């Protein structure tokens, strides 16, 4: 495992990390979660991603219980969580980043994770109704109180990220250091021109999610939606249009021989491709069983196989 700096922060994250979205509680209980986390940790993974909204808080509970069962030294791993959607329907408790919600939300997450602090806290989406100044101050206060060490954004527009950075700098507050954007061979818009100055000039990090486009880039949806896949899970029906899109499936088919020529599975190939971007701090992987964790970790052996010729072949396949 290799490690990369998390933006301009002082901590390093493993090139591949492990996230709980979809699987924890929906597909995996504490025992399976601990087994998968242990497999990732043994492979060198030091960053584990979660969110308040995943399985309505149950994902955090399972990760917390798994961490307690595993008994790792706290300094040896990093945990992140995210706030925005909330767990209640109160007017100030959902789809918001107001100060009251953020300060109460982090306490709820820490309770479910059974941790004294998280290493990284994200604003899971932007909230245009809350002034960026209020968001920055609340996140600064959370860090000053020792409940998080760093903070970041997820799926924010570039201009709002810049506004948060500039306000924090002007007022000597803890600024956001990392974005968590969707990023894979089929979705690359969060690294478009408008974001480049954030990564280049401000040293913003990126902990990218959905590197396999919800499994589409594994090839398992080429002939339909398997009954044991996330596309068949209750409450994830909204993924089905994406997973059966004819244009995307055509691109996946065109990528397969390039992966085979490299000796990689489509999943390994797709994960290793994400690491070609120097602005990516870590690629968040997911799994519903240990075998998938082991396969994903093997993607690292192909990181140096993406020659200019291969990259050109890829661009032609997905254009």
C-alpha atoms as a PDB file:
ATOM      1  CA  UNK A   1       0.000   0.000   0.000  1.00  0.00           C
ATOM      2  CA  UNK A   2       1.162   3.499  -0.825  1.00  0.00           C
ATOM      3  CA  UNK A   3       0.022   6.629   0.978  1.00  0.00           C
ATOM      4  CA  UNK A   4      -0.765  10.135  -0.212  1.00  0.00           C
ATOM      5  CA  UNK A   5      -1.032  13.455   1.584  1.00  0.00           C
ATOM      6  CA  UNK A   6      -4.615  14.520   2.312  1.00  0.00           C
ATOM      7  CA  UNK A   7      -4.464  17.804   0.455  1.00  0.00           C
ATOM      8  CA  UNK A   8      -2.285  20.243   2.381  1.00  0.00           C
ATOM      9  CA  UNK A   9      -3.035  18.629   5.732  1.00  0.00           C
ATOM     10  CA  UNK A  10      -0.382  16.821   7.708  1.00  0.00           C
ATOM     11  CA  UNK A  11      -1.969  13.377   7.532  1.00  0.00           C
ATOM     12  CA  UNK A  12      -1.511  10.675   4.932  1.00  0.00           C
ATOM     13  CA  UNK A  13      -4.215   8.363   3.640  1.00  0.00           C
ATOM     14  CA  UNK A  14      -3.886   4.986   1.966  1.00  0.00           C
ATOM     15  CA  UNK A  15      -4.346   5.124  -1.816  1.00  0.00           C
ATOM     16  CA  UNK A  16      -7.293   2.778  -1.430  1.00  0.00           C
ATOM     17  CA  UNK A  17      -9.686   3.213   1.477  1.00  0.00           C
ATOM     18  CA  UNK A  18     -12.862   1.495   2.656  1.00  0.00           C
ATOM     19  CA  UNK A  19     -16.392   2.909   2.885  1.00  0.00           C
ATOM     20  CA  UNK A  20     -19.623   1.637   4.380  1.00  0.00           C
ATOM     21  CA  UNK A  21     -22.216   3.131   2.027  1.00  0.00           C
ATOM     22  CA  UNK A  22     -24.954   0.689   0.939  1.00  0.00           C
ATOM     23  CA  UNK A  23     -23.425  -2.378   2.577  1.00  0.00           C
ATOM     24  CA  UNK A  24     -23.299  -1.775   6.352  1.00  0.00           C
ATOM     25  CA  UNK A  25     -26.678  -2.746   7.856  1.00  0.00           C
ATOM     26  CA  UNK A  26     -28.282  -3.202   4.406  1.00  0.00           C
ATOM     27  CA  UNK A  27     -26.051  -6.174   3.535  1.00  0.00           C
ATOM     28  CA  UNK A  28     -23.567  -6.610   6.389  1.00  0.00           C
ATOM     29  CA  UNK A  29     -23.840  -6.877  10.150  1.00  0.00           C
ATOM     30  CA  UNK A  30     -21.113  -6.275  12.729  1.00  0.00           C
ATOM     31  CA  UNK A  31     -19.338  -9.587  12.192  1.00  0.00           C
ATOM     32  CA  UNK A  32     -19.100  -9.238   8.404  1.00  0.00           C
ATOM     33  CA  UNK A  33     -18.219  -5.550   8.667  1.00  0.00           C
ATOM     34  CA  UNK A  34     -15.372  -6.310  11.078  1.00  0.00           C
ATOM     35  CA  UNK A  35     -14.109  -9.078   8.810  1.00  0.00           C
ATOM     36  CA  UNK A  36     -14.047  -6.780   5.768  1.00  0.00           C
ATOM     37  CA  UNK A  37     -12.489  -3.896   7.684  1.00  0.00           C
ATOM     38  CA  UNK A  38      -9.807  -6.247   9.019  1.00  0.00           C
ATOM     39  CA  UNK A  39      -9.009  -7.453   5.492  1.00  0.00           C
ATOM     40  CA  UNK A  40      -8.651  -3.857   4.318  1.00  0.00           C
ATOM     41  CA  UNK A  41      -6.584  -2.850   7.361  1.00  0.00           C
ATOM     42  CA  UNK A  42      -4.267  -5.831   6.892  1.00  0.00           C
ATOM     43  CA  UNK A  43      -3.727  -4.677   3.287  1.00  0.00           C
ATOM     44  CA  UNK A  44      -2.596  -1.266   4.551  1.00  0.00           C
ATOM     45  CA  UNK A  45      -5.883   0.681   4.455  1.00  0.00           C
ATOM     46  CA  UNK A  46      -5.939   3.344   7.162  1.00  0.00           C
ATOM     47  CA  UNK A  47      -9.025   5.375   6.175  1.00  0.00           C
ATOM     48  CA  UNK A  48     -12.627   4.263   6.813  1.00  0.00           C
ATOM     49  CA  UNK A  49     -15.509   6.366   5.522  1.00  0.00           C
ATOM     50  CA  UNK A  50     -19.059   6.671   6.843  1.00  0.00           C
ATOM     51  CA  UNK A  51     -21.964   9.143   7.045  1.00  0.00           C
ATOM     52  CA  UNK A  52     -24.812   9.954   9.389  1.00  0.00           C
ATOM     53  CA  UNK A  53     -27.389   9.235   6.690  1.00  0.00           C
ATOM     54  CA  UNK A  54     -26.060   5.806   5.674  1.00  0.00           C
ATOM     55  CA  UNK A  55     -28.738   3.300   6.727  1.00  0.00           C
ATOM     56  CA  UNK A  56     -30.247   6.084   8.858  1.00  0.00           C
ATOM     57  CA  UNK A  57     -27.410   5.995  11.381  1.00  0.00           C
ATOM     58  CA  UNK A  58     -27.135   2.197  11.538  1.00  0.00           C
ATOM     59  CA  UNK A  59     -23.999   2.208   9.381  1.00  0.00           C
ATOM     60  CA  UNK A  60     -22.185   4.328  11.962  1.00  0.00           C
ATOM     61  CA  UNK A  61     -23.380   2.014  14.743  1.00  0.00           C
ATOM     62  CA  UNK A  62     -22.077  -1.051  12.917  1.00  0.00           C
ATOM     63  CA  UNK A  63     -18.716   0.549  12.175  1.00  0.00           C
ATOM     64  CA  UNK A  64     -18.403   1.643  15.786  1.00  0.00           C
ATOM     65  CA  UNK A  65     -19.180  -1.857  17.041  1.00  0.00           C
ATOM     66  CA  UNK A  66     -16.750  -3.362  14.514  1.00  0.00           C
ATOM     67  CA  UNK A  67     -13.972  -1.001  15.615  1.00  0.00           C
ATOM     68  CA  UNK A  68     -14.579  -1.941  19.243  1.00  0.00           C
ATOM     69  CA  UNK A  69     -14.432  -5.624  18.327  1.00  0.00           C
ATOM     70  CA  UNK A  70     -11.232  -5.181  16.318  1.00  0.00           C
ATOM     71  CA  UNK A  71      -9.515  -3.231  19.105  1.00  0.00           C
ATOM     72  CA  UNK A  72      -7.102  -1.325  16.889  1.00  0.00           C
ATOM     73  CA  UNK A  73      -4.904   1.401  18.333  1.00  0.00           C
ATOM     74  CA  UNK A  74      -6.735   4.674  17.646  1.00  0.00           C
ATOM     75  CA  UNK A  75      -3.715   6.365  16.115  1.00  0.00           C
ATOM     76  CA  UNK A  76      -3.407   3.653  13.461  1.00  0.00           C
ATOM     77  CA  UNK A  77      -6.588   4.473  11.545  1.00  0.00           C
ATOM     78  CA  UNK A  78      -8.702   7.381  10.349  1.00  0.00           C
ATOM     79  CA  UNK A  79     -12.508   7.614  10.412  1.00  0.00           C
ATOM     80  CA  UNK A  80     -14.676  10.087   8.588  1.00  0.00           C
ATOM     81  CA  UNK A  81     -18.362  10.853   8.701  1.00  0.00           C
ATOM     82  CA  UNK A  82     -20.675  13.380   7.047  1.00  0.00           C
ATOM     83  CA  UNK A  83     -23.555  15.642   8.023  1.00  0.00           C
ATOM     84  CA  UNK A  84     -26.365  17.226   5.988  1.00  0.00           C
ATOM     85  CA  UNK A  85     -29.500  15.122   5.454  1.00  0.00           C
ATOM     86  CA  UNK A  86     -30.185  14.448   9.125  1.00  0.00           C
ATOM     87  CA  UNK A  87     -32.104  11.654  10.829  1.00  0.00           C
ATOM     88  CA  UNK A  88     -35.223  13.583  11.826  1.00  0.00           C
ATOM     89  CA  UNK A  89     -37.892  15.580  10.002  1.00  0.00           C
ATOM     90  CA  UNK A  90     -37.695  18.696  12.166  1.00  0.00           C
ATOM     91  CA  UNK A  91     -37.478  21.964  10.261  1.00  0.00           C
ATOM     92  CA  UNK A  92     -33.913  22.632  11.419  1.00  0.00           C
ATOM     93  CA  UNK A  93     -32.796  18.999  11.388  1.00  0.00           C
ATOM     94  CA  UNK A  94     -32.778  17.898   7.742  1.00  0.00           C
ATOM     95  CA  UNK A  95     -31.134  19.002   4.501  1.00  0.00           C
ATOM     96  CA  UNK A  96     -29.247  21.719   6.326  1.00  0.00           C
ATOM     97  CA  UNK A  97     -25.878  22.889   7.566  1.00  0.00           C
ATOM     98  CA  UNK A  98     -27.103  25.354  10.160  1.00  0.00           C
ATOM     99  CA  UNK A  99     -24.980  25.747  13.266  1.00  0.00           C
ATOM    100  CA  UNK A 100     -27.472  24.052  15.609  1.00  0.00           C
ATOM    101  CA  UNK A 101     -27.731  20.965  13.416  1.00  0.00           C
ATOM    102  CA  UNK A 102     -23.961  20.634  12.867  1.00  0.00           C
ATOM    103  CA  UNK A 103     -23.081  20.949  16.564  1.00  0.00           C
ATOM    104  CA  UNK A 104     -25.775  18.466  17.591  1.00  0.00           C
ATOM    105  CA  UNK A 105     -25.174  16.191  14.599  1.00  0.00           C
ATOM    106  CA  UNK A 106     -21.515  15.559  15.384  1.00  0.00           C
ATOM    107  CA  UNK A 107     -22.462  14.518  18.917  1.00  0.00           C
ATOM    108  CA  UNK A 108     -24.948  12.009  17.500  1.00  0.00           C
ATOM    109  CA  UNK A 109     -22.395  10.567  15.097  1.00  0.00           C
ATOM    110  CA  UNK A 110     -19.725  10.222  17.780  1.00  0.00           C
ATOM    111  CA  UNK A 111     -22.224   8.431  19.994  1.00  0.00           C
ATOM    112  CA  UNK A 112     -23.110   5.931  17.276  1.00  0.00           C
ATOM    113  CA  UNK A 113     -19.459   5.403  16.300  1.00  0.00           C
ATOM    114  CA  UNK A 114     -18.488   5.161  19.975  1.00  0.00           C
ATOM    115  CA  UNK A 115     -15.511   7.440  19.318  1.00  0.00           C
ATOM    116  CA  UNK A 116     -14.213  10.545  21.083  1.00  0.00           C
ATOM    117  CA  UNK A 117     -13.549  12.229  17.734  1.00  0.00           C
ATOM    118  CA  UNK A 118     -13.556  11.637  13.993  1.00  0.00           C
ATOM    119  CA  UNK A 119     -10.488  12.432  11.965  1.00  0.00           C
ATOM    120  CA  UNK A 120     -12.454  14.018   9.153  1.00  0.00           C
ATOM    121  CA  UNK A 121     -15.938  15.566   9.091  1.00  0.00           C
ATOM    122  CA  UNK A 122     -17.613  16.463   5.806  1.00  0.00           C
ATOM    123  CA  UNK A 123     -20.503  18.717   4.938  1.00  0.00           C
ATOM    124  CA  UNK A 124     -22.219  15.997   2.902  1.00  0.00           C
ATOM    125  CA  UNK A 125     -23.844  18.478   0.524  1.00  0.00           C
ATOM    126  CA  UNK A 126     -23.981  22.262   0.331  1.00  0.00           C
ATOM    127  CA  UNK A 127     -26.796  24.222   1.924  1.00  0.00           C
ATOM    128  CA  UNK A 128     -27.395  27.470  -0.001  1.00  0.00           C
ATOM    129  CA  UNK A 129     -29.827  28.632   2.703  1.00  0.00           C
ATOM    130  CA  UNK A 130     -27.077  28.762   5.324  1.00  0.00           C
ATOM    131  CA  UNK A 131     -24.404  31.468   4.896  1.00  0.00           C
ATOM    132  CA  UNK A 132     -20.978  30.025   4.242  1.00  0.00           C
ATOM    133  CA  UNK A 133     -19.703  32.085   7.196  1.00  0.00           C
ATOM    134  CA  UNK A 134     -22.009  30.197   9.574  1.00  0.00           C
ATOM    135  CA  UNK A 135     -20.909  26.837   8.182  1.00  0.00           C
ATOM    136  CA  UNK A 136     -17.214  27.659   8.489  1.00  0.00           C
ATOM    137  CA  UNK A 137     -17.575  28.953  12.062  1.00  0.00           C
ATOM    138  CA  UNK A 138     -19.518  25.855  13.143  1.00  0.00           C
ATOM    139  CA  UNK A 139     -16.981  23.489  11.612  1.00  0.00           C
ATOM    140  CA  UNK A 140     -14.152  25.504  13.164  1.00  0.00           C
ATOM    141  CA  UNK A 141     -15.815  25.231  16.581  1.00  0.00           C
ATOM    142  CA  UNK A 142     -16.289  21.468  16.186  1.00  0.00           C
ATOM    143  CA  UNK A 143     -12.566  21.131  15.516  1.00  0.00           C
ATOM    144  CA  UNK A 144     -11.611  23.453  18.369  1.00  0.00           C
ATOM    145  CA  UNK A 145     -13.720  21.331  20.722  1.00  0.00           C
ATOM    146  CA  UNK A 146     -11.775  18.234  19.660  1.00  0.00           C
ATOM    147  CA  UNK A 147     -14.699  16.426  18.042  1.00  0.00           C
ATOM    148  CA  UNK A 148     -13.105  16.390  14.569  1.00  0.00           C
ATOM    149  CA  UNK A 149      -9.537  17.019  13.421  1.00  0.00           C
ATOM    150  CA  UNK A 150     -10.149  18.218   9.849  1.00  0.00           C
ATOM    151  CA  UNK A 151     -13.179  19.121   7.792  1.00  0.00           C
ATOM    152  CA  UNK A 152     -14.152  19.010   4.151  1.00  0.00           C
ATOM    153  CA  UNK A 153     -16.930  19.211   1.619  1.00  0.00           C
ATOM    154  CA  UNK A 154     -18.744  16.662  -0.534  1.00  0.00           C
ATOM    155  CA  UNK A 155     -20.266  17.435  -3.929  1.00  0.00           C
ATOM    156  CA  UNK A 156     -19.967  21.194  -3.458  1.00  0.00           C
ATOM    157  CA  UNK A 157     -19.694  23.617  -6.347  1.00  0.00           C
ATOM    158  CA  UNK A 158     -16.226  25.077  -6.810  1.00  0.00           C
ATOM    159  CA  UNK A 159     -17.227  28.667  -6.053  1.00  0.00           C
ATOM    160  CA  UNK A 160     -18.747  27.730  -2.674  1.00  0.00           C
ATOM    161  CA  UNK A 161     -15.645  25.757  -1.709  1.00  0.00           C
ATOM    162  CA  UNK A 162     -13.502  28.752  -2.611  1.00  0.00           C
ATOM    163  CA  UNK A 163     -15.757  31.058  -0.580  1.00  0.00           C
ATOM    164  CA  UNK A 164     -15.367  28.774   2.460  1.00  0.00           C
ATOM    165  CA  UNK A 165     -11.583  28.629   2.081  1.00  0.00           C
ATOM    166  CA  UNK A 166     -11.260  32.399   1.680  1.00  0.00           C
ATOM    167  CA  UNK A 167     -13.521  33.218   4.641  1.00  0.00           C
ATOM    168  CA  UNK A 168     -11.602  30.799   6.853  1.00  0.00           C
ATOM    169  CA  UNK A 169      -8.249  32.236   5.785  1.00  0.00           C
ATOM    170  CA  UNK A 170      -9.382  35.837   6.306  1.00  0.00           C
ATOM    171  CA  UNK A 171     -10.617  35.064   9.811  1.00  0.00           C
ATOM    172  CA  UNK A 172      -7.875  32.618  10.859  1.00  0.00           C
ATOM    173  CA  UNK A 173     -10.315  29.718  11.147  1.00  0.00           C
ATOM    174  CA  UNK A 174      -9.890  26.042  10.297  1.00  0.00           C
ATOM    175  CA  UNK A 175     -10.531  25.830   6.568  1.00  0.00           C
ATOM    176  CA  UNK A 176     -11.842  22.856   4.587  1.00  0.00           C
ATOM    177  CA  UNK A 177      -9.008  20.711   3.236  1.00  0.00           C
ATOM    178  CA  UNK A 178     -10.708  18.091   1.092  1.00  0.00           C
ATOM    179  CA  UNK A 179     -13.610  17.403  -1.254  1.00  0.00           C
ATOM    180  CA  UNK A 180     -15.370  14.034  -1.541  1.00  0.00           C
ATOM    181  CA  UNK A 181     -16.553  13.897  -5.161  1.00  0.00           C
ATOM    182  CA  UNK A 182     -17.927  11.130  -7.321  1.00  0.00           C
ATOM    183  CA  UNK A 183     -15.149  10.072  -9.684  1.00  0.00           C
ATOM    184  CA  UNK A 184     -14.833   7.164 -12.065  1.00  0.00           C
ATOM    185  CA  UNK A 185     -14.276   6.373 -15.735  1.00  0.00           C
ATOM    186  CA  UNK A 186     -17.843   7.432 -16.524  1.00  0.00           C
ATOM    187  CA  UNK A 187     -18.155  10.490 -14.237  1.00  0.00           C
ATOM    188  CA  UNK A 188     -15.337  13.027 -14.099  1.00  0.00           C
ATOM    189  CA  UNK A 189     -17.078  16.393 -13.819  1.00  0.00           C
ATOM    190  CA  UNK A 190     -15.774  17.181 -10.311  1.00  0.00           C
ATOM    191  CA  UNK A 191     -12.271  17.460 -11.764  1.00  0.00           C
ATOM    192  CA  UNK A 192     -13.319  19.769 -14.601  1.00  0.00           C
ATOM    193  CA  UNK A 193     -11.698  23.131 -15.318  1.00  0.00           C
ATOM    194  CA  UNK A 194     -13.618  25.037 -12.648  1.00  0.00           C
ATOM    195  CA  UNK A 195     -12.165  22.797  -9.907  1.00  0.00           C
ATOM    196  CA  UNK A 196      -8.562  22.754 -11.106  1.00  0.00           C
ATOM    197  CA  UNK A 197      -7.494  25.881  -9.239  1.00  0.00           C
ATOM    198  CA  UNK A 198      -8.781  24.389  -5.976  1.00  0.00           C
ATOM    199  CA  UNK A 199      -6.548  21.359  -6.366  1.00  0.00           C
ATOM    200  CA  UNK A 200      -3.554  23.175  -7.867  1.00  0.00           C
ATOM    201  CA  UNK A 201      -3.511  26.548  -6.107  1.00  0.00           C
ATOM    202  CA  UNK A 202      -5.149  25.690  -2.784  1.00  0.00           C
ATOM    203  CA  UNK A 203      -3.865  22.138  -2.477  1.00  0.00           C
ATOM    204  CA  UNK A 204      -7.381  20.794  -1.925  1.00  0.00           C
ATOM    205  CA  UNK A 205      -7.477  17.040  -1.427  1.00  0.00           C
ATOM    206  CA  UNK A 206      -9.968  14.543  -2.870  1.00  0.00           C
ATOM    207  CA  UNK A 207     -11.313  11.362  -1.283  1.00  0.00           C
ATOM    208  CA  UNK A 208     -13.261  10.037  -4.245  1.00  0.00           C
ATOM    209  CA  UNK A 209     -16.335   7.810  -4.068  1.00  0.00           C
ATOM    210  CA  UNK A 210     -18.130   5.429  -6.450  1.00  0.00           C
ATOM    211  CA  UNK A 211     -14.981   4.416  -8.365  1.00  0.00           C
ATOM    212  CA  UNK A 212     -16.912   1.498  -9.892  1.00  0.00           C
ATOM    213  CA  UNK A 213     -20.030   3.571 -10.642  1.00  0.00           C
ATOM    214  CA  UNK A 214     -22.128   1.531  -8.198  1.00  0.00           C
ATOM    215  CA  UNK A 215     -20.800  -1.704  -9.720  1.00  0.00           C
ATOM    216  CA  UNK A 216     -21.423  -0.789 -13.354  1.00  0.00           C
ATOM    217  CA  UNK A 217     -17.669  -0.807 -14.012  1.00  0.00           C
ATOM    218  CA  UNK A 218     -17.332  -4.386 -12.796  1.00  0.00           C
ATOM    219  CA  UNK A 219     -19.292  -5.646 -15.813  1.00  0.00           C
ATOM    220  CA  UNK A 220     -21.829  -7.504 -13.662  1.00  0.00           C
ATOM    221  CA  UNK A 221     -24.739  -5.439 -14.998  1.00  0.00           C
ATOM    222  CA  UNK A 222     -23.998  -6.139 -18.666  1.00  0.00           C
ATOM    223  CA  UNK A 223     -26.879  -8.613 -18.916  1.00  0.00           C
ATOM    224  CA  UNK A 224     -29.274  -7.180 -16.341  1.00  0.00           C
ATOM    225  CA  UNK A 225     -29.464  -6.602 -12.587  1.00  0.00           C
ATOM    226  CA  UNK A 226     -28.359  -9.625 -10.499  1.00  0.00           C
ATOM    227  CA  UNK A 227     -30.639 -10.421  -7.564  1.00  0.00           C
ATOM    228  CA  UNK A 228     -27.753 -10.193  -5.079  1.00  0.00           C
ATOM    229  CA  UNK A 229     -26.463  -6.802  -6.278  1.00  0.00           C
ATOM    230  CA  UNK A 230     -27.032  -3.347  -4.822  1.00  0.00           C
ATOM    231  CA  UNK A 231     -29.220  -2.519  -7.808  1.00  0.00           C
ATOM    232  CA  UNK A 232     -31.760  -5.047  -6.505  1.00  0.00           C
ATOM    233  CA  UNK A 233     -31.787  -3.769  -2.913  1.00  0.00           C
ATOM    234  CA  UNK A 234     -34.979  -2.162  -1.546  1.00  0.00           C
ATOM    235  CA  UNK A 235     -34.719   1.666  -1.548  1.00  0.00           C
ATOM    236  CA  UNK A 236     -31.968   1.547  -4.178  1.00  0.00           C
ATOM    237  CA  UNK A 237     -34.300   1.212  -7.149  1.00  0.00           C
ATOM    238  CA  UNK A 238     -33.208   4.713  -8.181  1.00  0.00           C
ATOM    239  CA  UNK A 239     -29.884   3.187  -9.284  1.00  0.00           C
ATOM    240  CA  UNK A 240     -31.488   0.923 -11.872  1.00  0.00           C
ATOM    241  CA  UNK A 241     -31.667   3.489 -14.699  1.00  0.00           C
ATOM    242  CA  UNK A 242     -27.965   4.198 -14.279  1.00  0.00           C
ATOM    243  CA  UNK A 243     -27.054   0.517 -14.119  1.00  0.00           C
ATOM    244  CA  UNK A 244     -28.972  -0.363 -17.283  1.00  0.00           C
ATOM    245  CA  UNK A 245     -28.065   2.689 -19.382  1.00  0.00           C
ATOM    246  CA  UNK A 246     -27.222   1.420 -22.875  1.00  0.00           C
ATOM    247  CA  UNK A 247     -24.598   4.096 -23.538  1.00  0.00           C
ATOM    248  CA  UNK A 248     -22.733   3.355 -20.318  1.00  0.00           C
ATOM    249  CA  UNK A 249     -22.878  -0.401 -20.872  1.00  0.00           C
ATOM    250  CA  UNK A 250     -21.387   0.104 -24.339  1.00  0.00           C
ATOM    251  CA  UNK A 251     -18.453   1.982 -22.801  1.00  0.00           C
ATOM    252  CA  UNK A 252     -17.947  -0.744 -20.200  1.00  0.00           C
ATOM    253  CA  UNK A 253     -17.823  -3.345 -22.957  1.00  0.00           C
ATOM    254  CA  UNK A 254     -15.211  -1.278 -24.808  1.00  0.00           C
ATOM    255  CA  UNK A 255     -13.070  -1.014 -21.681  1.00  0.00           C
ATOM    256  CA  UNK A 256     -13.070  -4.736 -20.951  1.00  0.00           C
ATOM    257  CA  UNK A 257     -10.455  -5.786 -23.570  1.00  0.00           C
ATOM    258  CA  UNK A 258      -8.130  -2.996 -22.394  1.00  0.00           C
ATOM    259  CA  UNK A 259      -8.359  -4.342 -18.844  1.00  0.00           C
ATOM    260  CA  UNK A 260      -7.834  -7.901 -20.030  1.00  0.00           C
ATOM    261  CA  UNK A 261      -4.749  -6.871 -21.979  1.00  0.00           C
ATOM    262  CA  UNK A 262      -3.377  -5.468 -18.714  1.00  0.00           C
ATOM    263  CA  UNK A 263      -4.240  -8.681 -16.884  1.00  0.00           C
ATOM    264  CA  UNK A 264      -6.685  -6.929 -14.573  1.00  0.00           C
ATOM    265  CA  UNK A 265     -10.351  -7.436 -13.848  1.00  0.00           C
ATOM    266  CA  UNK A 266     -12.604  -4.551 -14.866  1.00  0.00           C
ATOM    267  CA  UNK A 267     -12.966  -3.596 -11.202  1.00  0.00           C
ATOM    268  CA  UNK A 268      -9.209  -3.549 -10.573  1.00  0.00           C
ATOM    269  CA  UNK A 269      -8.627  -1.674 -13.815  1.00  0.00           C
ATOM    270  CA  UNK A 270     -11.225   0.971 -12.908  1.00  0.00           C
ATOM    271  CA  UNK A 271      -9.826   1.474  -9.411  1.00  0.00           C
ATOM    272  CA  UNK A 272      -6.254   1.767 -10.675  1.00  0.00           C
ATOM    273  CA  UNK A 273      -7.357   4.289 -13.295  1.00  0.00           C
ATOM    274  CA  UNK A 274      -8.641   6.611 -10.564  1.00  0.00           C
ATOM    275  CA  UNK A 275      -5.182   6.638  -9.008  1.00  0.00           C
ATOM    276  CA  UNK A 276      -3.679   8.096 -12.183  1.00  0.00           C
ATOM    277  CA  UNK A 277      -5.117  11.465 -11.144  1.00  0.00           C
ATOM    278  CA  UNK A 278      -2.461  13.180  -8.969  1.00  0.00           C
ATOM    279  CA  UNK A 279      -5.147  15.233  -7.197  1.00  0.00           C
ATOM    280  CA  UNK A 280      -6.847  12.106  -5.823  1.00  0.00           C
ATOM    281  CA  UNK A 281      -5.823  11.549  -2.210  1.00  0.00           C
ATOM    282  CA  UNK A 282      -7.590   8.206  -1.811  1.00  0.00           C
ATOM    283  CA  UNK A 283     -10.118   6.089  -3.674  1.00  0.00           C
ATOM    284  CA  UNK A 284     -12.930   4.880  -1.419  1.00  0.00           C
ATOM    285  CA  UNK A 285     -13.798   1.263  -2.170  1.00  0.00           C
ATOM    286  CA  UNK A 286     -16.816  -0.704  -1.002  1.00  0.00           C
ATOM    287  CA  UNK A 287     -17.576  -4.380  -0.602  1.00  0.00           C
ATOM    288  CA  UNK A 288     -20.271  -6.728   0.639  1.00  0.00           C
ATOM    289  CA  UNK A 289     -17.930  -9.666   1.272  1.00  0.00           C
ATOM    290  CA  UNK A 290     -14.271 -10.240   2.094  1.00  0.00           C
ATOM    291  CA  UNK A 291     -13.440 -11.650  -1.328  1.00  0.00           C
ATOM    292  CA  UNK A 292     -14.319  -8.313  -2.910  1.00  0.00           C
ATOM    293  CA  UNK A 293     -11.995  -6.514  -0.502  1.00  0.00           C
ATOM    294  CA  UNK A 294      -9.105  -8.760  -1.501  1.00  0.00           C
ATOM    295  CA  UNK A 295      -9.848  -8.294  -5.210  1.00  0.00           C
ATOM    296  CA  UNK A 296     -10.073  -4.522  -4.858  1.00  0.00           C
ATOM    297  CA  UNK A 297      -6.764  -4.312  -3.005  1.00  0.00           C
ATOM    298  CA  UNK A 298      -5.055  -6.140  -5.856  1.00  0.00           C
ATOM    299  CA  UNK A 299      -5.815  -3.140  -8.082  1.00  0.00           C
ATOM    300  CA  UNK A 300      -2.673  -1.525  -6.672  1.00  0.00           C
ATOM    301  CA  UNK A 301      -0.442  -3.834  -8.685  1.00  0.00           C
ATOM    302  CA  UNK A 302      -1.741  -2.246 -11.906  1.00  0.00           C
ATOM    303  CA  UNK A 303      -1.212   1.394 -10.921  1.00  0.00           C
ATOM    304  CA  UNK A 304       1.969   1.691 -12.992  1.00  0.00           C
ATOM    305  CA  UNK A 305       0.517   0.007 -16.091  1.00  0.00           C
ATOM    306  CA  UNK A 306      -1.307   3.034 -17.472  1.00  0.00           C
ATOM    307  CA  UNK A 307       1.071   4.167 -20.199  1.00  0.00           C
ATOM    308  CA  UNK A 308       0.187   7.139 -22.439  1.00  0.00           C
ATOM    309  CA  UNK A 309      -0.892   4.615 -25.077  1.00  0.00           C
ATOM    310  CA  UNK A 310      -3.243   2.883 -22.652  1.00  0.00           C
ATOM    311  CA  UNK A 311      -4.702   6.208 -21.512  1.00  0.00           C
ATOM    312  CA  UNK A 312      -5.345   7.104 -25.136  1.00  0.00           C
ATOM    313  CA  UNK A 313      -7.127   3.778 -25.682  1.00  0.00           C
ATOM    314  CA  UNK A 314      -9.291   4.485 -22.656  1.00  0.00           C
ATOM    315  CA  UNK A 315     -10.253   7.955 -23.867  1.00  0.00           C
ATOM    316  CA  UNK A 316     -11.253   6.493 -27.222  1.00  0.00           C
ATOM    317  CA  UNK A 317     -13.372   3.821 -25.497  1.00  0.00           C
ATOM    318  CA  UNK A 318     -15.346   6.236 -23.321  1.00  0.00           C
ATOM    319  CA  UNK A 319     -15.661   9.242 -25.609  1.00  0.00           C
END
